Amino acid sequence: MCPEHTRHSYAPHREDLLRRLRRIEGQVRGLQKMIEEDRYCVDILVQVSAVKSALHQVGLTILESHTRGCVADALANRDHGDEKIDELMDVIRQFTRS
């Protein structure tokens, strides 16, 4: 399910993810405008927090899809399961650092 030539495990969530990312893009543009308008620091920080949370949710959705799709398939088919688990753990470590 995960090789480049096939559909990715997040494919069923594609439209939702794109909608969320467009919303995040709008939030980031709003942040730029807030800076341009010299808005109050706390108001800006609240919006930064909202953007971070929204991006985190997008990441969690993709991470869950990858785990339930690519990793589960690799384990079920005994196809490089250890490699997929190592890859998953690396990405979880990277994802949770932010």
N, C-alpha and C. Protein backbone atom coordinates (compact mmCIF):
# COMPACT_ATOMS: atom_id res chain seq x y z
N MET A 1 0.81 -1.20 0.00
CA MET A 1 0.00 0.00 0.00
C MET A 1 0.85 1.26 0.00
N CYS A 2 2.09 1.19 0.44
CA CYS A 2 2.90 2.39 0.58
C CYS A 2 3.91 2.68 -0.51
N PRO A 3 4.29 1.72 -1.32
CA PRO A 3 5.28 2.08 -2.34
C PRO A 3 4.79 3.25 -3.20
N GLU A 4 5.74 3.96 -3.76
CA GLU A 4 5.46 5.18 -4.53
C GLU A 4 4.40 4.98 -5.62
N HIS A 5 4.34 3.80 -6.22
CA HIS A 5 3.46 3.58 -7.36
C HIS A 5 2.03 3.20 -6.96
N THR A 6 1.74 3.12 -5.68
CA THR A 6 0.39 2.77 -5.25
C THR A 6 -0.21 3.91 -4.45
N ARG A 7 -1.46 3.78 -4.11
CA ARG A 7 -2.12 4.80 -3.29
C ARG A 7 -1.56 4.77 -1.88
N HIS A 8 -1.41 5.92 -1.31
CA HIS A 8 -0.92 6.00 0.06
C HIS A 8 -2.04 5.69 1.04
N SER A 9 -1.66 5.28 2.23
CA SER A 9 -2.65 4.87 3.22
C SER A 9 -3.55 6.02 3.66
N TYR A 10 -3.11 7.26 3.47
CA TYR A 10 -3.94 8.40 3.84
C TYR A 10 -4.94 8.78 2.75
N ALA A 11 -4.92 8.09 1.63
CA ALA A 11 -5.78 8.42 0.49
C ALA A 11 -7.26 8.58 0.85
N PRO A 12 -7.82 7.73 1.72
CA PRO A 12 -9.23 7.93 2.07
C PRO A 12 -9.50 9.26 2.81
N HIS A 13 -8.45 9.84 3.38
CA HIS A 13 -8.58 11.08 4.13
C HIS A 13 -8.10 12.29 3.34
N ARG A 14 -7.76 12.07 2.10
CA ARG A 14 -7.12 13.11 1.28
C ARG A 14 -7.89 14.43 1.27
N GLU A 15 -9.17 14.37 0.97
CA GLU A 15 -9.95 15.61 0.87
C GLU A 15 -10.05 16.33 2.22
N ASP A 16 -10.24 15.57 3.29
CA ASP A 16 -10.27 16.16 4.63
C ASP A 16 -8.93 16.80 4.96
N LEU A 17 -7.84 16.11 4.66
CA LEU A 17 -6.51 16.66 4.93
C LEU A 17 -6.27 17.94 4.14
N LEU A 18 -6.64 17.93 2.87
CA LEU A 18 -6.47 19.13 2.05
C LEU A 18 -7.32 20.28 2.57
N ARG A 19 -8.54 19.98 3.00
CA ARG A 19 -9.41 21.02 3.57
C ARG A 19 -8.78 21.62 4.83
N ARG A 20 -8.26 20.76 5.68
CA ARG A 20 -7.61 21.21 6.91
C ARG A 20 -6.38 22.06 6.59
N LEU A 21 -5.59 21.60 5.62
CA LEU A 21 -4.38 22.34 5.27
C LEU A 21 -4.71 23.71 4.66
N ARG A 22 -5.77 23.77 3.90
CA ARG A 22 -6.19 25.08 3.35
C ARG A 22 -6.61 26.01 4.48
N ARG A 23 -7.31 25.46 5.47
CA ARG A 23 -7.70 26.26 6.63
C ARG A 23 -6.47 26.75 7.38
N ILE A 24 -5.48 25.87 7.55
CA ILE A 24 -4.24 26.25 8.22
C ILE A 24 -3.52 27.33 7.43
N GLU A 25 -3.51 27.19 6.12
CA GLU A 25 -2.89 28.20 5.26
C GLU A 25 -3.54 29.56 5.50
N GLY A 26 -4.86 29.57 5.61
CA GLY A 26 -5.58 30.81 5.89
C GLY A 26 -5.22 31.37 7.27
N GLN A 27 -5.06 30.46 8.25
CA GLN A 27 -4.67 30.90 9.59
C GLN A 27 -3.28 31.54 9.56
N VAL A 28 -2.37 30.96 8.79
CA VAL A 28 -1.02 31.50 8.70
C VAL A 28 -1.05 32.87 8.03
N ARG A 29 -1.85 33.02 6.99
CA ARG A 29 -2.00 34.34 6.36
C ARG A 29 -2.57 35.34 7.36
N GLY A 30 -3.51 34.87 8.19
CA GLY A 30 -4.06 35.73 9.23
C GLY A 30 -3.00 36.16 10.23
N LEU A 31 -2.10 35.25 10.56
CA LEU A 31 -0.98 35.59 11.46
C LEU A 31 -0.09 36.65 10.83
N GLN A 32 0.19 36.51 9.55
CA GLN A 32 1.01 37.51 8.87
C GLN A 32 0.34 38.88 8.95
N LYS A 33 -0.96 38.90 8.73
CA LYS A 33 -1.71 40.16 8.78
C LYS A 33 -1.68 40.74 10.20
N MET A 34 -1.80 39.87 11.20
CA MET A 34 -1.75 40.34 12.58
C MET A 34 -0.41 41.01 12.87
N ILE A 35 0.68 40.45 12.38
CA ILE A 35 2.00 41.04 12.57
C ILE A 35 2.08 42.38 11.84
N GLU A 36 1.60 42.40 10.60
CA GLU A 36 1.61 43.64 9.82
C GLU A 36 0.83 44.75 10.53
N GLU A 37 -0.25 44.36 11.20
CA GLU A 37 -1.11 45.33 11.88
C GLU A 37 -0.68 45.61 13.32
N ASP A 38 0.48 45.07 13.72
CA ASP A 38 1.00 45.28 15.08
C ASP A 38 -0.02 44.90 16.15
N ARG A 39 -0.62 43.73 15.97
CA ARG A 39 -1.61 43.25 16.94
C ARG A 39 -0.95 42.85 18.24
N TYR A 40 -1.75 42.70 19.27
CA TYR A 40 -1.30 42.36 20.61
C TYR A 40 -0.64 40.99 20.62
N CYS A 41 0.50 40.90 21.30
CA CYS A 41 1.31 39.67 21.33
C CYS A 41 0.51 38.44 21.74
N VAL A 42 -0.29 38.57 22.78
CA VAL A 42 -1.04 37.41 23.28
C VAL A 42 -2.02 36.92 22.23
N ASP A 43 -2.66 37.81 21.51
CA ASP A 43 -3.58 37.41 20.45
C ASP A 43 -2.85 36.62 19.36
N ILE A 44 -1.65 37.08 19.03
CA ILE A 44 -0.85 36.40 18.01
C ILE A 44 -0.45 35.01 18.52
N LEU A 45 -0.01 34.95 19.76
CA LEU A 45 0.42 33.66 20.33
C LEU A 45 -0.73 32.66 20.40
N VAL A 46 -1.93 33.13 20.67
CA VAL A 46 -3.09 32.24 20.69
C VAL A 46 -3.31 31.65 19.30
N GLN A 47 -3.15 32.47 18.28
CA GLN A 47 -3.32 31.98 16.91
C GLN A 47 -2.19 31.04 16.50
N VAL A 48 -0.96 31.33 16.94
CA VAL A 48 0.16 30.43 16.68
C VAL A 48 -0.14 29.06 17.29
N SER A 49 -0.65 29.06 18.50
CA SER A 49 -1.00 27.81 19.17
C SER A 49 -2.07 27.06 18.39
N ALA A 50 -3.05 27.77 17.86
CA ALA A 50 -4.11 27.14 17.08
C ALA A 50 -3.55 26.50 15.82
N VAL A 51 -2.63 27.18 15.15
CA VAL A 51 -2.01 26.64 13.93
C VAL A 51 -1.20 25.39 14.26
N LYS A 52 -0.42 25.46 15.34
CA LYS A 52 0.38 24.29 15.76
C LYS A 52 -0.53 23.11 16.05
N SER A 53 -1.62 23.34 16.74
CA SER A 53 -2.55 22.27 17.07
C SER A 53 -3.18 21.68 15.81
N ALA A 54 -3.57 22.53 14.88
CA ALA A 54 -4.18 22.06 13.64
C ALA A 54 -3.19 21.22 12.83
N LEU A 55 -1.93 21.67 12.74
CA LEU A 55 -0.92 20.90 12.03
C LEU A 55 -0.65 19.58 12.72
N HIS A 56 -0.66 19.59 14.04
CA HIS A 56 -0.45 18.38 14.81
C HIS A 56 -1.55 17.36 14.49
N GLN A 57 -2.78 17.82 14.39
CA GLN A 57 -3.89 16.92 14.07
C GLN A 57 -3.75 16.34 12.67
N VAL A 58 -3.29 17.14 11.73
CA VAL A 58 -3.04 16.63 10.37
C VAL A 58 -1.98 15.54 10.44
N GLY A 59 -0.91 15.81 11.17
CA GLY A 59 0.16 14.83 11.31
C GLY A 59 -0.32 13.54 11.96
N LEU A 60 -1.14 13.66 13.01
CA LEU A 60 -1.66 12.47 13.67
C LEU A 60 -2.53 11.63 12.74
N THR A 61 -3.32 12.30 11.92
CA THR A 61 -4.17 11.58 10.97
C THR A 61 -3.31 10.78 9.99
N ILE A 62 -2.26 11.41 9.48
CA ILE A 62 -1.39 10.71 8.53
C ILE A 62 -0.61 9.61 9.24
N LEU A 63 -0.16 9.87 10.45
CA LEU A 63 0.57 8.86 11.22
C LEU A 63 -0.31 7.64 11.50
N GLU A 64 -1.56 7.88 11.88
CA GLU A 64 -2.47 6.77 12.13
C GLU A 64 -2.74 5.98 10.85
N SER A 65 -2.96 6.69 9.76
CA SER A 65 -3.21 6.02 8.47
C SER A 65 -2.01 5.18 8.07
N HIS A 66 -0.83 5.71 8.26
CA HIS A 66 0.38 4.97 7.91
C HIS A 66 0.50 3.71 8.76
N THR A 67 0.22 3.85 10.06
CA THR A 67 0.33 2.70 10.96
C THR A 67 -0.69 1.64 10.62
N ARG A 68 -1.94 2.06 10.43
CA ARG A 68 -3.01 1.10 10.14
C ARG A 68 -2.92 0.53 8.72
N GLY A 69 -2.29 1.25 7.82
CA GLY A 69 -2.17 0.80 6.44
C GLY A 69 -0.84 0.15 6.16
N CYS A 70 0.17 0.98 5.93
CA CYS A 70 1.49 0.49 5.49
C CYS A 70 2.14 -0.44 6.50
N VAL A 71 2.16 -0.03 7.75
CA VAL A 71 2.85 -0.84 8.77
C VAL A 71 2.09 -2.14 9.01
N ALA A 72 0.77 -2.05 9.16
CA ALA A 72 -0.03 -3.26 9.39
C ALA A 72 0.10 -4.23 8.22
N ASP A 73 0.08 -3.71 6.99
CA ASP A 73 0.24 -4.58 5.82
C ASP A 73 1.60 -5.27 5.81
N ALA A 74 2.64 -4.52 6.12
CA ALA A 74 3.98 -5.10 6.14
C ALA A 74 4.08 -6.21 7.18
N LEU A 75 3.47 -5.98 8.34
CA LEU A 75 3.50 -7.01 9.38
C LEU A 75 2.66 -8.22 9.00
N ALA A 76 1.48 -7.99 8.47
CA ALA A 76 0.59 -9.09 8.09
C ALA A 76 1.19 -9.94 6.99
N ASN A 77 1.88 -9.30 6.06
CA ASN A 77 2.46 -10.02 4.93
C ASN A 77 3.91 -10.44 5.18
N ARG A 78 4.37 -10.17 6.38
CA ARG A 78 5.77 -10.48 6.75
C ARG A 78 6.73 -9.92 5.70
N ASP A 79 6.46 -8.66 5.31
CA ASP A 79 7.23 -8.00 4.26
C ASP A 79 7.97 -6.80 4.86
N HIS A 80 9.19 -7.03 5.31
CA HIS A 80 10.02 -5.97 5.88
C HIS A 80 9.36 -5.32 7.11
N GLY A 81 8.67 -6.13 7.92
CA GLY A 81 7.97 -5.63 9.08
C GLY A 81 8.87 -4.90 10.06
N ASP A 82 10.05 -5.46 10.33
CA ASP A 82 10.98 -4.80 11.26
C ASP A 82 11.43 -3.45 10.73
N GLU A 83 11.67 -3.39 9.43
CA GLU A 83 12.06 -2.12 8.81
C GLU A 83 10.95 -1.08 8.94
N LYS A 84 9.71 -1.52 8.74
CA LYS A 84 8.58 -0.60 8.86
C LYS A 84 8.41 -0.12 10.29
N ILE A 85 8.62 -1.00 11.25
CA ILE A 85 8.52 -0.61 12.66
C ILE A 85 9.63 0.39 12.99
N ASP A 86 10.85 0.13 12.52
CA ASP A 86 11.95 1.08 12.75
C ASP A 86 11.63 2.44 12.13
N GLU A 87 11.12 2.41 10.91
CA GLU A 87 10.74 3.66 10.24
C GLU A 87 9.66 4.39 11.02
N LEU A 88 8.66 3.63 11.50
CA LEU A 88 7.57 4.21 12.28
C LEU A 88 8.10 4.84 13.56
N MET A 89 8.97 4.14 14.25
CA MET A 89 9.51 4.67 15.50
C MET A 89 10.33 5.93 15.24
N ASP A 90 11.09 5.96 14.15
CA ASP A 90 11.85 7.16 13.80
C ASP A 90 10.93 8.35 13.57
N VAL A 91 9.86 8.12 12.83
CA VAL A 91 8.96 9.23 12.53
C VAL A 91 8.18 9.66 13.78
N ILE A 92 7.85 8.72 14.66
CA ILE A 92 7.19 9.09 15.92
C ILE A 92 8.13 9.94 16.76
N ARG A 93 9.39 9.54 16.84
CA ARG A 93 10.37 10.34 17.60
C ARG A 93 10.47 11.75 17.02
N GLN A 94 10.55 11.85 15.71
CA GLN A 94 10.64 13.16 15.06
C GLN A 94 9.37 13.97 15.28
N PHE A 95 8.24 13.32 15.14
CA PHE A 95 6.94 14.00 15.27
C PHE A 95 6.72 14.52 16.69
N THR A 96 7.15 13.77 17.69
CA THR A 96 6.89 14.18 19.07
C THR A 96 7.91 15.19 19.58
N ARG A 97 8.97 15.44 18.85
CA ARG A 97 9.95 16.46 19.24
C ARG A 97 9.39 17.87 19.12
N SER A 98 8.50 18.06 18.20
CA SER A 98 8.00 19.42 17.96
C SER A 98 6.93 19.84 18.92
